[in-house]
Amino acid sequence: MSLNRIRESEEMYLETILRLKQKSANVRSVDVGEELGYAKSSVSRGVNLLKDKGYIIIDHSTGVIQFTPEGRAKAEGVYERHRILTAALIKMGAEPRVAESNACRIEHVVTDELMEVFRTFTEK
């Protein structure tokens, strides 16, 4: 798997966990899998990679996922890019549904420099 695909997968998991935690404090791997439509084995692997990188902690007795400070910061950064890109695409005339789904793909490959352009554009 290429480094870009690994980064995209990692970011998708982090963003999904963050969004789920906005609804419920008790997020488990099964919740992530249901949200993303992924098989249990894929989610287990993905969540364990996040744990190994120090982004999350999993309570062994309950299975509840918690962010480490570094993990929360990374997840919030990904989600912020998503929100800015969605807003920019809507401002350019895209339908909200189309803007949302495309922002989800773009957020993983856009450079920091271009994100600043989108951020400035949405603030006008």
PDB file of N, CA and C in Angstrom:
ATOM      1  N   MET A   1       0.848  -1.175   0.000  1.00  0.00           N
ATOM      2  CA  MET A   1       0.000   0.000   0.000  1.00  0.00           C
ATOM      3  C   MET A   1       0.894   1.239   0.000  1.00  0.00           C
ATOM      4  N   SER A   2       0.581   2.222  -0.828  1.00  0.00           N
ATOM      5  CA  SER A   2       1.407   3.421  -0.919  1.00  0.00           C
ATOM      6  C   SER A   2       1.262   4.268   0.343  1.00  0.00           C
ATOM      7  N   LEU A   3       2.240   5.134   0.555  1.00  0.00           N
ATOM      8  CA  LEU A   3       2.195   6.010   1.725  1.00  0.00           C
ATOM      9  C   LEU A   3       0.983   6.931   1.695  1.00  0.00           C
ATOM     10  N   ASN A   4       0.590   7.392   0.501  1.00  0.00           N
ATOM     11  CA  ASN A   4      -0.587   8.255   0.398  1.00  0.00           C
ATOM     12  C   ASN A   4      -1.849   7.513   0.812  1.00  0.00           C
ATOM     13  N   ARG A   5      -1.975   6.256   0.414  1.00  0.00           N
ATOM     14  CA  ARG A   5      -3.157   5.454   0.775  1.00  0.00           C
ATOM     15  C   ARG A   5      -3.172   5.185   2.275  1.00  0.00           C
ATOM     16  N   ILE A   6      -2.008   4.938   2.863  1.00  0.00           N
ATOM     17  CA  ILE A   6      -1.923   4.708   4.302  1.00  0.00           C
ATOM     18  C   ILE A   6      -2.340   5.973   5.034  1.00  0.00           C
ATOM     19  N   ARG A   7      -1.834   7.117   4.591  1.00  0.00           N
ATOM     20  CA  ARG A   7      -2.177   8.392   5.221  1.00  0.00           C
ATOM     21  C   ARG A   7      -3.679   8.667   5.092  1.00  0.00           C
ATOM     22  N   GLU A   8      -4.240   8.421   3.910  1.00  0.00           N
ATOM     23  CA  GLU A   8      -5.668   8.647   3.695  1.00  0.00           C
ATOM     24  C   GLU A   8      -6.494   7.751   4.615  1.00  0.00           C
ATOM     25  N   SER A   9      -6.137   6.490   4.713  1.00  0.00           N
ATOM     26  CA  SER A   9      -6.854   5.551   5.567  1.00  0.00           C
ATOM     27  C   SER A   9      -6.764   5.978   7.029  1.00  0.00           C
ATOM     28  N   GLU A  10      -5.567   6.329   7.465  1.00  0.00           N
ATOM     29  CA  GLU A  10      -5.346   6.788   8.837  1.00  0.00           C
ATOM     30  C   GLU A  10      -6.216   8.006   9.137  1.00  0.00           C
ATOM     31  N   GLU A  11      -6.222   8.957   8.226  1.00  0.00           N
ATOM     32  CA  GLU A  11      -6.993  10.181   8.426  1.00  0.00           C
ATOM     33  C   GLU A  11      -8.494   9.906   8.427  1.00  0.00           C
ATOM     34  N   MET A  12      -8.944   8.979   7.579  1.00  0.00           N
ATOM     35  CA  MET A  12     -10.371   8.630   7.552  1.00  0.00           C
ATOM     36  C   MET A  12     -10.796   8.034   8.891  1.00  0.00           C
ATOM     37  N   TYR A  13      -9.978   7.151   9.441  1.00  0.00           N
ATOM     38  CA  TYR A  13     -10.294   6.565  10.744  1.00  0.00           C
ATOM     39  C   TYR A  13     -10.331   7.632  11.828  1.00  0.00           C
ATOM     40  N   LEU A  14      -9.321   8.493  11.863  1.00  0.00           N
ATOM     41  CA  LEU A  14      -9.276   9.539  12.889  1.00  0.00           C
ATOM     42  C   LEU A  14     -10.483  10.475  12.786  1.00  0.00           C
ATOM     43  N   GLU A  15     -10.796  10.907  11.580  1.00  0.00           N
ATOM     44  CA  GLU A  15     -11.936  11.810  11.388  1.00  0.00           C
ATOM     45  C   GLU A  15     -13.246  11.117  11.771  1.00  0.00           C
ATOM     46  N   THR A  16     -13.385   9.875  11.417  1.00  0.00           N
ATOM     47  CA  THR A  16     -14.605   9.133  11.743  1.00  0.00           C
ATOM     48  C   THR A  16     -14.761   8.981  13.248  1.00  0.00           C
ATOM     49  N   ILE A  17     -13.687   8.647  13.930  1.00  0.00           N
ATOM     50  CA  ILE A  17     -13.739   8.534  15.391  1.00  0.00           C
ATOM     51  C   ILE A  17     -14.130   9.874  15.999  1.00  0.00           C
ATOM     52  N   LEU A  18     -13.541  10.957  15.514  1.00  0.00           N
ATOM     53  CA  LEU A  18     -13.866  12.289  16.032  1.00  0.00           C
ATOM     54  C   LEU A  18     -15.344  12.610  15.841  1.00  0.00           C
ATOM     55  N   ARG A  19     -15.854  12.375  14.634  1.00  0.00           N
ATOM     56  CA  ARG A  19     -17.263  12.674  14.363  1.00  0.00           C
ATOM     57  C   ARG A  19     -18.189  11.811  15.220  1.00  0.00           C
ATOM     58  N   LEU A  20     -17.840  10.556  15.405  1.00  0.00           N
ATOM     59  CA  LEU A  20     -18.648   9.680  16.251  1.00  0.00           C
ATOM     60  C   LEU A  20     -18.607  10.134  17.709  1.00  0.00           C
ATOM     61  N   LYS A  21     -17.443  10.599  18.165  1.00  0.00           N
ATOM     62  CA  LYS A  21     -17.316  11.083  19.539  1.00  0.00           C
ATOM     63  C   LYS A  21     -18.121  12.358  19.775  1.00  0.00           C
ATOM     64  N   GLN A  22     -18.420  13.102  18.720  1.00  0.00           N
ATOM     65  CA  GLN A  22     -19.267  14.279  18.859  1.00  0.00           C
ATOM     66  C   GLN A  22     -20.712  13.879  19.174  1.00  0.00           C
ATOM     67  N   LYS A  23     -21.064  12.644  18.835  1.00  0.00           N
ATOM     68  CA  LYS A  23     -22.406  12.123  19.092  1.00  0.00           C
ATOM     69  C   LYS A  23     -22.472  11.304  20.377  1.00  0.00           C
ATOM     70  N   SER A  24     -21.378  10.585  20.677  1.00  0.00           N
ATOM     71  CA  SER A  24     -21.342   9.700  21.835  1.00  0.00           C
ATOM     72  C   SER A  24     -19.912   9.561  22.328  1.00  0.00           C
ATOM     73  N   ALA A  25     -19.734   9.622  23.635  1.00  0.00           N
ATOM     74  CA  ALA A  25     -18.386   9.506  24.209  1.00  0.00           C
ATOM     75  C   ALA A  25     -17.837   8.091  24.082  1.00  0.00           C
ATOM     76  N   ASN A  26     -18.720   7.116  24.017  1.00  0.00           N
ATOM     77  CA  ASN A  26     -18.308   5.712  24.010  1.00  0.00           C
ATOM     78  C   ASN A  26     -18.265   5.149  22.595  1.00  0.00           C
ATOM     79  N   VAL A  27     -17.180   5.433  21.898  1.00  0.00           N
ATOM     80  CA  VAL A  27     -16.991   4.947  20.533  1.00  0.00           C
ATOM     81  C   VAL A  27     -16.105   3.705  20.578  1.00  0.00           C
ATOM     82  N   ARG A  28     -16.563   2.667  19.879  1.00  0.00           N
ATOM     83  CA  ARG A  28     -15.819   1.413  19.795  1.00  0.00           C
ATOM     84  C   ARG A  28     -15.504   1.123  18.334  1.00  0.00           C
ATOM     85  N   SER A  29     -14.635   0.156  18.120  1.00  0.00           N
ATOM     86  CA  SER A  29     -14.264  -0.235  16.753  1.00  0.00           C
ATOM     87  C   SER A  29     -15.475  -0.617  15.928  1.00  0.00           C
ATOM     88  N   VAL A  30     -16.428  -1.297  16.542  1.00  0.00           N
ATOM     89  CA  VAL A  30     -17.626  -1.711  15.814  1.00  0.00           C
ATOM     90  C   VAL A  30     -18.392  -0.490  15.284  1.00  0.00           C
ATOM     91  N   ASP A  31     -18.401   0.600  16.049  1.00  0.00           N
ATOM     92  CA  ASP A  31     -19.076   1.829  15.609  1.00  0.00           C
ATOM     93  C   ASP A  31     -18.372   2.421  14.392  1.00  0.00           C
ATOM     94  N   VAL A  32     -17.054   2.398  14.425  1.00  0.00           N
ATOM     95  CA  VAL A  32     -16.256   2.905  13.307  1.00  0.00           C
ATOM     96  C   VAL A  32     -16.540   2.075  12.057  1.00  0.00           C
ATOM     97  N   GLY A  33     -16.553   0.766  12.225  1.00  0.00           N
ATOM     98  CA  GLY A  33     -16.825  -0.130  11.102  1.00  0.00           C
ATOM     99  C   GLY A  33     -18.194   0.101  10.499  1.00  0.00           C
ATOM    100  N   GLU A  34     -19.202   0.286  11.342  1.00  0.00           N
ATOM    101  CA  GLU A  34     -20.558   0.542  10.855  1.00  0.00           C
ATOM    102  C   GLU A  34     -20.626   1.867  10.105  1.00  0.00           C
ATOM    103  N   GLU A  35     -19.968   2.868  10.638  1.00  0.00           N
ATOM    104  CA  GLU A  35     -19.975   4.204  10.010  1.00  0.00           C
ATOM    105  C   GLU A  35     -19.312   4.177   8.642  1.00  0.00           C
ATOM    106  N   LEU A  36     -18.197   3.489   8.547  1.00  0.00           N
ATOM    107  CA  LEU A  36     -17.439   3.452   7.294  1.00  0.00           C
ATOM    108  C   LEU A  36     -17.890   2.336   6.348  1.00  0.00           C
ATOM    109  N   GLY A  37     -18.628   1.362   6.877  1.00  0.00           N
ATOM    110  CA  GLY A  37     -19.039   0.227   6.057  1.00  0.00           C
ATOM    111  C   GLY A  37     -17.901  -0.730   5.781  1.00  0.00           C
ATOM    112  N   TYR A  38     -16.952  -0.826   6.718  1.00  0.00           N
ATOM    113  CA  TYR A  38     -15.786  -1.689   6.564  1.00  0.00           C
ATOM    114  C   TYR A  38     -15.979  -2.986   7.348  1.00  0.00           C
ATOM    115  N   ALA A  39     -15.289  -4.027   6.920  1.00  0.00           N
ATOM    116  CA  ALA A  39     -15.300  -5.309   7.617  1.00  0.00           C
ATOM    117  C   ALA A  39     -14.581  -5.178   8.956  1.00  0.00           C
ATOM    118  N   LYS A  40     -14.992  -6.025   9.922  1.00  0.00           N
ATOM    119  CA  LYS A  40     -14.375  -6.007  11.252  1.00  0.00           C
ATOM    120  C   LYS A  40     -12.863  -6.161  11.188  1.00  0.00           C
ATOM    121  N   SER A  41     -12.387  -7.034  10.309  1.00  0.00           N
ATOM    122  CA  SER A  41     -10.943  -7.281  10.218  1.00  0.00           C
ATOM    123  C   SER A  41     -10.192  -6.039   9.753  1.00  0.00           C
ATOM    124  N   SER A  42     -10.768  -5.300   8.806  1.00  0.00           N
ATOM    125  CA  SER A  42     -10.135  -4.068   8.319  1.00  0.00           C
ATOM    126  C   SER A  42     -10.098  -3.018   9.411  1.00  0.00           C
ATOM    127  N   VAL A  43     -11.207  -2.881  10.130  1.00  0.00           N
ATOM    128  CA  VAL A  43     -11.282  -1.884  11.199  1.00  0.00           C
ATOM    129  C   VAL A  43     -10.326  -2.239  12.329  1.00  0.00           C
ATOM    130  N   SER A  44     -10.266  -3.511  12.663  1.00  0.00           N
ATOM    131  CA  SER A  44      -9.357  -3.952  13.717  1.00  0.00           C
ATOM    132  C   SER A  44      -7.915  -3.596  13.362  1.00  0.00           C
ATOM    133  N   ARG A  45      -7.537  -3.855  12.134  1.00  0.00           N
ATOM    134  CA  ARG A  45      -6.182  -3.522  11.677  1.00  0.00           C
ATOM    135  C   ARG A  45      -5.953  -2.018  11.711  1.00  0.00           C
ATOM    136  N   GLY A  46      -6.906  -1.253  11.177  1.00  0.00           N
ATOM    137  CA  GLY A  46      -6.771   0.200  11.127  1.00  0.00           C
ATOM    138  C   GLY A  46      -6.692   0.831  12.507  1.00  0.00           C
ATOM    139  N   VAL A  47      -7.544   0.383  13.409  1.00  0.00           N
ATOM    140  CA  VAL A  47      -7.563   0.924  14.769  1.00  0.00           C
ATOM    141  C   VAL A  47      -6.278   0.551  15.501  1.00  0.00           C
ATOM    142  N   ASN A  48      -5.802  -0.661  15.302  1.00  0.00           N
ATOM    143  CA  ASN A  48      -4.546  -1.063  15.951  1.00  0.00           C
ATOM    144  C   ASN A  48      -3.356  -0.267  15.430  1.00  0.00           C
ATOM    145  N   LEU A  49      -3.371   0.099  14.150  1.00  0.00           N
ATOM    146  CA  LEU A  49      -2.299   0.950  13.616  1.00  0.00           C
ATOM    147  C   LEU A  49      -2.331   2.332  14.268  1.00  0.00           C
ATOM    148  N   LEU A  50      -3.533   2.870  14.472  1.00  0.00           N
ATOM    149  CA  LEU A  50      -3.654   4.161  15.158  1.00  0.00           C
ATOM    150  C   LEU A  50      -3.139   4.061  16.586  1.00  0.00           C
ATOM    151  N   LYS A  51      -3.452   2.954  17.233  1.00  0.00           N
ATOM    152  CA  LYS A  51      -2.975   2.720  18.600  1.00  0.00           C
ATOM    153  C   LYS A  51      -1.450   2.629  18.616  1.00  0.00           C
ATOM    154  N   ASP A  52      -0.885   1.872  17.671  1.00  0.00           N
ATOM    155  CA  ASP A  52       0.572   1.724  17.598  1.00  0.00           C
ATOM    156  C   ASP A  52       1.280   3.047  17.338  1.00  0.00           C
ATOM    157  N   LYS A  53       0.620   3.950  16.608  1.00  0.00           N
ATOM    158  CA  LYS A  53       1.216   5.260  16.323  1.00  0.00           C
ATOM    159  C   LYS A  53       1.017   6.252  17.472  1.00  0.00           C
ATOM    160  N   GLY A  54       0.275   5.842  18.496  1.00  0.00           N
ATOM    161  CA  GLY A  54       0.071   6.692  19.655  1.00  0.00           C
ATOM    162  C   GLY A  54      -1.039   7.717  19.491  1.00  0.00           C
ATOM    163  N   TYR A  55      -1.955   7.495  18.549  1.00  0.00           N
ATOM    164  CA  TYR A  55      -3.060   8.423  18.320  1.00  0.00           C
ATOM    165  C   TYR A  55      -4.283   8.118  19.182  1.00  0.00           C
ATOM    166  N   ILE A  56      -4.438   6.855  19.561  1.00  0.00           N
ATOM    167  CA  ILE A  56      -5.590   6.468  20.367  1.00  0.00           C
ATOM    168  C   ILE A  56      -5.164   5.485  21.445  1.00  0.00           C
ATOM    169  N   ILE A  57      -6.048   5.348  22.428  1.00  0.00           N
ATOM    170  CA  ILE A  57      -5.918   4.355  23.488  1.00  0.00           C
ATOM    171  C   ILE A  57      -7.236   3.597  23.495  1.00  0.00           C
ATOM    172  N   ILE A  58      -7.170   2.288  23.625  1.00  0.00           N
ATOM    173  CA  ILE A  58      -8.383   1.473  23.671  1.00  0.00           C
ATOM    174  C   ILE A  58      -8.483   0.832  25.043  1.00  0.00           C
ATOM    175  N   ASP A  59      -9.597   1.095  25.717  1.00  0.00           N
ATOM    176  CA  ASP A  59      -9.842   0.484  27.016  1.00  0.00           C
ATOM    177  C   ASP A  59     -10.086  -1.012  26.794  1.00  0.00           C
ATOM    178  N   HIS A  60      -9.238  -1.851  27.379  1.00  0.00           N
ATOM    179  CA  HIS A  60      -9.321  -3.293  27.126  1.00  0.00           C
ATOM    180  C   HIS A  60     -10.581  -3.925  27.697  1.00  0.00           C
ATOM    181  N   SER A  61     -11.140  -3.362  28.753  1.00  0.00           N
ATOM    182  CA  SER A  61     -12.337  -3.965  29.345  1.00  0.00           C
ATOM    183  C   SER A  61     -13.625  -3.557  28.621  1.00  0.00           C
ATOM    184  N   THR A  62     -13.650  -2.348  28.043  1.00  0.00           N
ATOM    185  CA  THR A  62     -14.883  -1.871  27.396  1.00  0.00           C
ATOM    186  C   THR A  62     -14.760  -1.741  25.888  1.00  0.00           C
ATOM    187  N   GLY A  63     -13.539  -1.644  25.393  1.00  0.00           N
ATOM    188  CA  GLY A  63     -13.324  -1.432  23.956  1.00  0.00           C
ATOM    189  C   GLY A  63     -13.510   0.011  23.529  1.00  0.00           C
ATOM    190  N   VAL A  64     -13.731   0.905  24.485  1.00  0.00           N
ATOM    191  CA  VAL A  64     -13.941   2.318  24.161  1.00  0.00           C
ATOM    192  C   VAL A  64     -12.626   2.950  23.717  1.00  0.00           C
ATOM    193  N   ILE A  65     -12.718   3.718  22.630  1.00  0.00           N
ATOM    194  CA  ILE A  65     -11.554   4.389  22.045  1.00  0.00           C
ATOM    195  C   ILE A  65     -11.468   5.806  22.595  1.00  0.00           C
ATOM    196  N   GLN A  66     -10.273   6.190  23.026  1.00  0.00           N
ATOM    197  CA  GLN A  66     -10.004   7.561  23.466  1.00  0.00           C
ATOM    198  C   GLN A  66      -8.834   8.097  22.656  1.00  0.00           C
ATOM    199  N   PHE A  67      -8.865   9.385  22.370  1.00  0.00           N
ATOM    200  CA  PHE A  67      -7.745  10.020  21.683  1.00  0.00           C
ATOM    201  C   PHE A  67      -6.631  10.340  22.660  1.00  0.00           C
ATOM    202  N   THR A  68      -5.404  10.248  22.178  1.00  0.00           N
ATOM    203  CA  THR A  68      -4.288  10.857  22.883  1.00  0.00           C
ATOM    204  C   THR A  68      -4.311  12.331  22.454  1.00  0.00           C
ATOM    205  N   PRO A  69      -3.598  13.219  23.132  1.00  0.00           N
ATOM    206  CA  PRO A  69      -3.562  14.618  22.684  1.00  0.00           C
ATOM    207  C   PRO A  69      -3.109  14.751  21.224  1.00  0.00           C
ATOM    208  N   GLU A  70      -2.097  13.976  20.838  1.00  0.00           N
ATOM    209  CA  GLU A  70      -1.602  14.027  19.459  1.00  0.00           C
ATOM    210  C   GLU A  70      -2.670  13.527  18.476  1.00  0.00           C
ATOM    211  N   GLY A  71      -3.361  12.465  18.851  1.00  0.00           N
ATOM    212  CA  GLY A  71      -4.403  11.918  18.001  1.00  0.00           C
ATOM    213  C   GLY A  71      -5.571  12.867  17.817  1.00  0.00           C
ATOM    214  N   ARG A  72      -5.983  13.515  18.922  1.00  0.00           N
ATOM    215  CA  ARG A  72      -7.085  14.489  18.834  1.00  0.00           C
ATOM    216  C   ARG A  72      -6.688  15.652  17.937  1.00  0.00           C
ATOM    217  N   ALA A  73      -5.482  16.146  18.089  1.00  0.00           N
ATOM    218  CA  ALA A  73      -5.021  17.275  17.271  1.00  0.00           C
ATOM    219  C   ALA A  73      -5.013  16.892  15.790  1.00  0.00           C
ATOM    220  N   LYS A  74      -4.543  15.707  15.484  1.00  0.00           N
ATOM    221  CA  LYS A  74      -4.506  15.264  14.089  1.00  0.00           C
ATOM    222  C   LYS A  74      -5.927  15.099  13.543  1.00  0.00           C
ATOM    223  N   ALA A  75      -6.807  14.486  14.307  1.00  0.00           N
ATOM    224  CA  ALA A  75      -8.195  14.289  13.876  1.00  0.00           C
ATOM    225  C   ALA A  75      -8.891  15.628  13.657  1.00  0.00           C
ATOM    226  N   GLU A  76      -8.683  16.571  14.557  1.00  0.00           N
ATOM    227  CA  GLU A  76      -9.305  17.893  14.416  1.00  0.00           C
ATOM    228  C   GLU A  76      -8.765  18.623  13.191  1.00  0.00           C
ATOM    229  N   GLY A  77      -7.487  18.437  12.884  1.00  0.00           N
ATOM    230  CA  GLY A  77      -6.903  19.045  11.690  1.00  0.00           C
ATOM    231  C   GLY A  77      -7.520  18.506  10.413  1.00  0.00           C
ATOM    232  N   VAL A  78      -7.718  17.200  10.365  1.00  0.00           N
ATOM    233  CA  VAL A  78      -8.343  16.575   9.192  1.00  0.00           C
ATOM    234  C   VAL A  78      -9.782  17.077   9.049  1.00  0.00           C
ATOM    235  N   TYR A  79     -10.501  17.113  10.162  1.00  0.00           N
ATOM    236  CA  TYR A  79     -11.902  17.545  10.126  1.00  0.00           C
ATOM    237  C   TYR A  79     -12.013  19.018   9.729  1.00  0.00           C
ATOM    238  N   GLU A  80     -11.062  19.834  10.176  1.00  0.00           N
ATOM    239  CA  GLU A  80     -11.065  21.246   9.786  1.00  0.00           C
ATOM    240  C   GLU A  80     -10.859  21.388   8.278  1.00  0.00           C
ATOM    241  N   ARG A  81      -9.924  20.622   7.717  1.00  0.00           N
ATOM    242  CA  ARG A  81      -9.728  20.653   6.265  1.00  0.00           C
ATOM    243  C   ARG A  81     -11.015  20.256   5.551  1.00  0.00           C
ATOM    244  N   HIS A  82     -11.674  19.235   6.054  1.00  0.00           N
ATOM    245  CA  HIS A  82     -12.928  18.771   5.459  1.00  0.00           C
ATOM    246  C   HIS A  82     -13.975  19.888   5.457  1.00  0.00           C
ATOM    247  N   ARG A  83     -14.139  20.548   6.594  1.00  0.00           N
ATOM    248  CA  ARG A  83     -15.141  21.625   6.713  1.00  0.00           C
ATOM    249  C   ARG A  83     -14.809  22.788   5.785  1.00  0.00           C
ATOM    250  N   ILE A  84     -13.554  23.186   5.726  1.00  0.00           N
ATOM    251  CA  ILE A  84     -13.149  24.308   4.873  1.00  0.00           C
ATOM    252  C   ILE A  84     -13.347  23.972   3.405  1.00  0.00           C
ATOM    253  N   LEU A  85     -12.919  22.772   3.010  1.00  0.00           N
ATOM    254  CA  LEU A  85     -13.076  22.374   1.607  1.00  0.00           C
ATOM    255  C   LEU A  85     -14.549  22.282   1.215  1.00  0.00           C
ATOM    256  N   THR A  86     -15.375  21.735   2.097  1.00  0.00           N
ATOM    257  CA  THR A  86     -16.809  21.651   1.815  1.00  0.00           C
ATOM    258  C   THR A  86     -17.386  23.046   1.633  1.00  0.00           C
ATOM    259  N   ALA A  87     -17.053  23.955   2.526  1.00  0.00           N
ATOM    260  CA  ALA A  87     -17.561  25.333   2.442  1.00  0.00           C
ATOM    261  C   ALA A  87     -17.087  26.014   1.166  1.00  0.00           C
ATOM    262  N   ALA A  88     -15.835  25.818   0.805  1.00  0.00           N
ATOM    263  CA  ALA A  88     -15.296  26.444  -0.405  1.00  0.00           C
ATOM    264  C   ALA A  88     -15.995  25.909  -1.651  1.00  0.00           C
ATOM    265  N   LEU A  89     -16.192  24.605  -1.711  1.00  0.00           N
ATOM    266  CA  LEU A  89     -16.852  24.011  -2.877  1.00  0.00           C
ATOM    267  C   LEU A  89     -18.307  24.478  -2.995  1.00  0.00           C
ATOM    268  N   ILE A  90     -18.980  24.593  -1.883  1.00  0.00           N
ATOM    269  CA  ILE A  90     -20.360  25.114  -1.901  1.00  0.00           C
ATOM    270  C   ILE A  90     -20.357  26.567  -2.354  1.00  0.00           C
ATOM    271  N   LYS A  91     -19.416  27.337  -1.841  1.00  0.00           N
ATOM    272  CA  LYS A  91     -19.310  28.749  -2.224  1.00  0.00           C
ATOM    273  C   LYS A  91     -19.035  28.909  -3.718  1.00  0.00           C
ATOM    274  N   MET A  92     -18.343  27.918  -4.310  1.00  0.00           N
ATOM    275  CA  MET A  92     -18.057  27.947  -5.750  1.00  0.00           C
ATOM    276  C   MET A  92     -19.241  27.468  -6.582  1.00  0.00           C
ATOM    277  N   GLY A  93     -20.291  26.988  -5.907  1.00  0.00           N
ATOM    278  CA  GLY A  93     -21.497  26.604  -6.629  1.00  0.00           C
ATOM    279  C   GLY A  93     -21.848  25.134  -6.613  1.00  0.00           C
ATOM    280  N   ALA A  94     -21.066  24.322  -5.918  1.00  0.00           N
ATOM    281  CA  ALA A  94     -21.360  22.881  -5.860  1.00  0.00           C
ATOM    282  C   ALA A  94     -22.562  22.623  -4.960  1.00  0.00           C
ATOM    283  N   GLU A  95     -23.333  21.613  -5.318  1.00  0.00           N
ATOM    284  CA  GLU A  95     -24.419  21.152  -4.448  1.00  0.00           C
ATOM    285  C   GLU A  95     -23.800  20.657  -3.139  1.00  0.00           C
ATOM    286  N   PRO A  96     -24.434  20.890  -1.994  1.00  0.00           N
ATOM    287  CA  PRO A  96     -23.851  20.458  -0.713  1.00  0.00           C
ATOM    288  C   PRO A  96     -23.452  18.979  -0.666  1.00  0.00           C
ATOM    289  N   ARG A  97     -24.272  18.091  -1.198  1.00  0.00           N
ATOM    290  CA  ARG A  97     -23.960  16.658  -1.186  1.00  0.00           C
ATOM    291  C   ARG A  97     -22.694  16.372  -1.998  1.00  0.00           C
ATOM    292  N   VAL A  98     -22.581  17.019  -3.151  1.00  0.00           N
ATOM    293  CA  VAL A  98     -21.418  16.833  -4.022  1.00  0.00           C
ATOM    294  C   VAL A  98     -20.177  17.436  -3.365  1.00  0.00           C
ATOM    295  N   ALA A  99     -20.337  18.613  -2.777  1.00  0.00           N
ATOM    296  CA  ALA A  99     -19.217  19.272  -2.091  1.00  0.00           C
ATOM    297  C   ALA A  99     -18.704  18.405  -0.951  1.00  0.00           C
ATOM    298  N   GLU A 100     -19.613  17.855  -0.171  1.00  0.00           N
ATOM    299  CA  GLU A 100     -19.254  17.015   0.976  1.00  0.00           C
ATOM    300  C   GLU A 100     -18.466  15.779   0.534  1.00  0.00           C
ATOM    301  N   SER A 101     -18.955  15.074  -0.462  1.00  0.00           N
ATOM    302  CA  SER A 101     -18.287  13.832  -0.871  1.00  0.00           C
ATOM    303  C   SER A 101     -16.935  14.108  -1.528  1.00  0.00           C
ATOM    304  N   ASN A 102     -16.827  15.199  -2.272  1.00  0.00           N
ATOM    305  CA  ASN A 102     -15.545  15.526  -2.898  1.00  0.00           C
ATOM    306  C   ASN A 102     -14.551  16.064  -1.885  1.00  0.00           C
ATOM    307  N   ALA A 103     -15.014  16.849  -0.928  1.00  0.00           N
ATOM    308  CA  ALA A 103     -14.128  17.355   0.126  1.00  0.00           C
ATOM    309  C   ALA A 103     -13.502  16.184   0.878  1.00  0.00           C
ATOM    310  N   CYS A 104     -14.289  15.132   1.065  1.00  0.00           N
ATOM    311  CA  CYS A 104     -13.809  13.944   1.775  1.00  0.00           C
ATOM    312  C   CYS A 104     -12.630  13.303   1.062  1.00  0.00           C
ATOM    313  N   ARG A 105     -12.592  13.384  -0.242  1.00  0.00           N
ATOM    314  CA  ARG A 105     -11.473  12.818  -1.011  1.00  0.00           C
ATOM    315  C   ARG A 105     -10.307  13.804  -1.096  1.00  0.00           C
ATOM    316  N   ILE A 106     -10.627  15.081  -1.311  1.00  0.00           N
ATOM    317  CA  ILE A 106      -9.590  16.097  -1.505  1.00  0.00           C
ATOM    318  C   ILE A 106      -8.778  16.339  -0.232  1.00  0.00           C
ATOM    319  N   GLU A 107      -9.437  16.277   0.924  1.00  0.00           N
ATOM    320  CA  GLU A 107      -8.787  16.634   2.187  1.00  0.00           C
ATOM    321  C   GLU A 107      -7.519  15.841   2.469  1.00  0.00           C
ATOM    322  N   HIS A 108      -7.379  14.680   1.869  1.00  0.00           N
ATOM    323  CA  HIS A 108      -6.231  13.821   2.152  1.00  0.00           C
ATOM    324  C   HIS A 108      -5.030  14.095   1.262  1.00  0.00           C
ATOM    325  N   VAL A 109      -5.231  14.863   0.205  1.00  0.00           N
ATOM    326  CA  VAL A 109      -4.134  15.094  -0.736  1.00  0.00           C
ATOM    327  C   VAL A 109      -3.783  16.572  -0.914  1.00  0.00           C
ATOM    328  N   VAL A 110      -4.628  17.461  -0.435  1.00  0.00           N
ATOM    329  CA  VAL A 110      -4.390  18.888  -0.629  1.00  0.00           C
ATOM    330  C   VAL A 110      -3.187  19.344   0.216  1.00  0.00           C
ATOM    331  N   THR A 111      -2.376  20.206  -0.368  1.00  0.00           N
ATOM    332  CA  THR A 111      -1.194  20.709   0.352  1.00  0.00           C
ATOM    333  C   THR A 111      -1.607  21.780   1.358  1.00  0.00           C
ATOM    334  N   ASP A 112      -0.745  22.023   2.326  1.00  0.00           N
ATOM    335  CA  ASP A 112      -1.014  23.073   3.317  1.00  0.00           C
ATOM    336  C   ASP A 112      -1.133  24.433   2.630  1.00  0.00           C
ATOM    337  N   GLU A 113      -0.290  24.656   1.624  1.00  0.00           N
ATOM    338  CA  GLU A 113      -0.315  25.926   0.893  1.00  0.00           C
ATOM    339  C   GLU A 113      -1.674  26.147   0.229  1.00  0.00           C
ATOM    340  N   LEU A 114      -2.193  25.139  -0.436  1.00  0.00           N
ATOM    341  CA  LEU A 114      -3.491  25.273  -1.092  1.00  0.00           C
ATOM    342  C   LEU A 114      -4.626  25.360  -0.067  1.00  0.00           C
ATOM    343  N   MET A 115      -4.470  24.694   1.078  1.00  0.00           N
ATOM    344  CA  MET A 115      -5.493  24.810   2.130  1.00  0.00           C
ATOM    345  C   MET A 115      -5.620  26.254   2.593  1.00  0.00           C
ATOM    346  N   GLU A 116      -4.515  26.966   2.648  1.00  0.00           N
ATOM    347  CA  GLU A 116      -4.570  28.381   3.026  1.00  0.00           C
ATOM    348  C   GLU A 116      -5.363  29.185   1.998  1.00  0.00           C
ATOM    349  N   VAL A 117      -5.229  28.841   0.727  1.00  0.00           N
ATOM    350  CA  VAL A 117      -6.005  29.504  -0.326  1.00  0.00           C
ATOM    351  C   VAL A 117      -7.494  29.245  -0.107  1.00  0.00           C
ATOM    352  N   PHE A 118      -7.858  27.990   0.164  1.00  0.00           N
ATOM    353  CA  PHE A 118      -9.261  27.652   0.422  1.00  0.00           C
ATOM    354  C   PHE A 118      -9.771  28.348   1.681  1.00  0.00           C
ATOM    355  N   ARG A 119      -8.948  28.378   2.720  1.00  0.00           N
ATOM    356  CA  ARG A 119      -9.345  29.019   3.982  1.00  0.00           C
ATOM    357  C   ARG A 119      -9.618  30.511   3.749  1.00  0.00           C
ATOM    358  N   THR A 120      -8.719  31.173   3.040  1.00  0.00           N
ATOM    359  CA  THR A 120      -8.893  32.605   2.739  1.00  0.00           C
ATOM    360  C   THR A 120     -10.145  32.817   1.904  1.00  0.00           C
ATOM    361  N   PHE A 121     -10.358  31.954   0.923  1.00  0.00           N
ATOM    362  CA  PHE A 121     -11.528  32.059   0.045  1.00  0.00           C
ATOM    363  C   PHE A 121     -12.829  31.944   0.840  1.00  0.00           C
ATOM    364  N   THR A 122     -12.888  31.040   1.796  1.00  0.00           N
ATOM    365  CA  THR A 122     -14.116  30.845   2.558  1.00  0.00           C
ATOM    366  C   THR A 122     -14.355  31.965   3.555  1.00  0.00           C
ATOM    367  N   GLU A 123     -13.308  32.684   3.945  1.00  0.00           N
ATOM    368  CA  GLU A 123     -13.451  33.765   4.931  1.00  0.00           C
ATOM    369  C   GLU A 123     -13.925  35.061   4.287  1.00  0.00           C
ATOM    370  N   LYS A 124     -13.897  35.148   2.956  1.00  0.00           N
ATOM    371  CA  LYS A 124     -14.319  36.377   2.263  1.00  0.00           C
ATOM    372  C   LYS A 124     -15.824  36.502   2.243  1.00  0.00           C
TER     373      LYS A 124
END
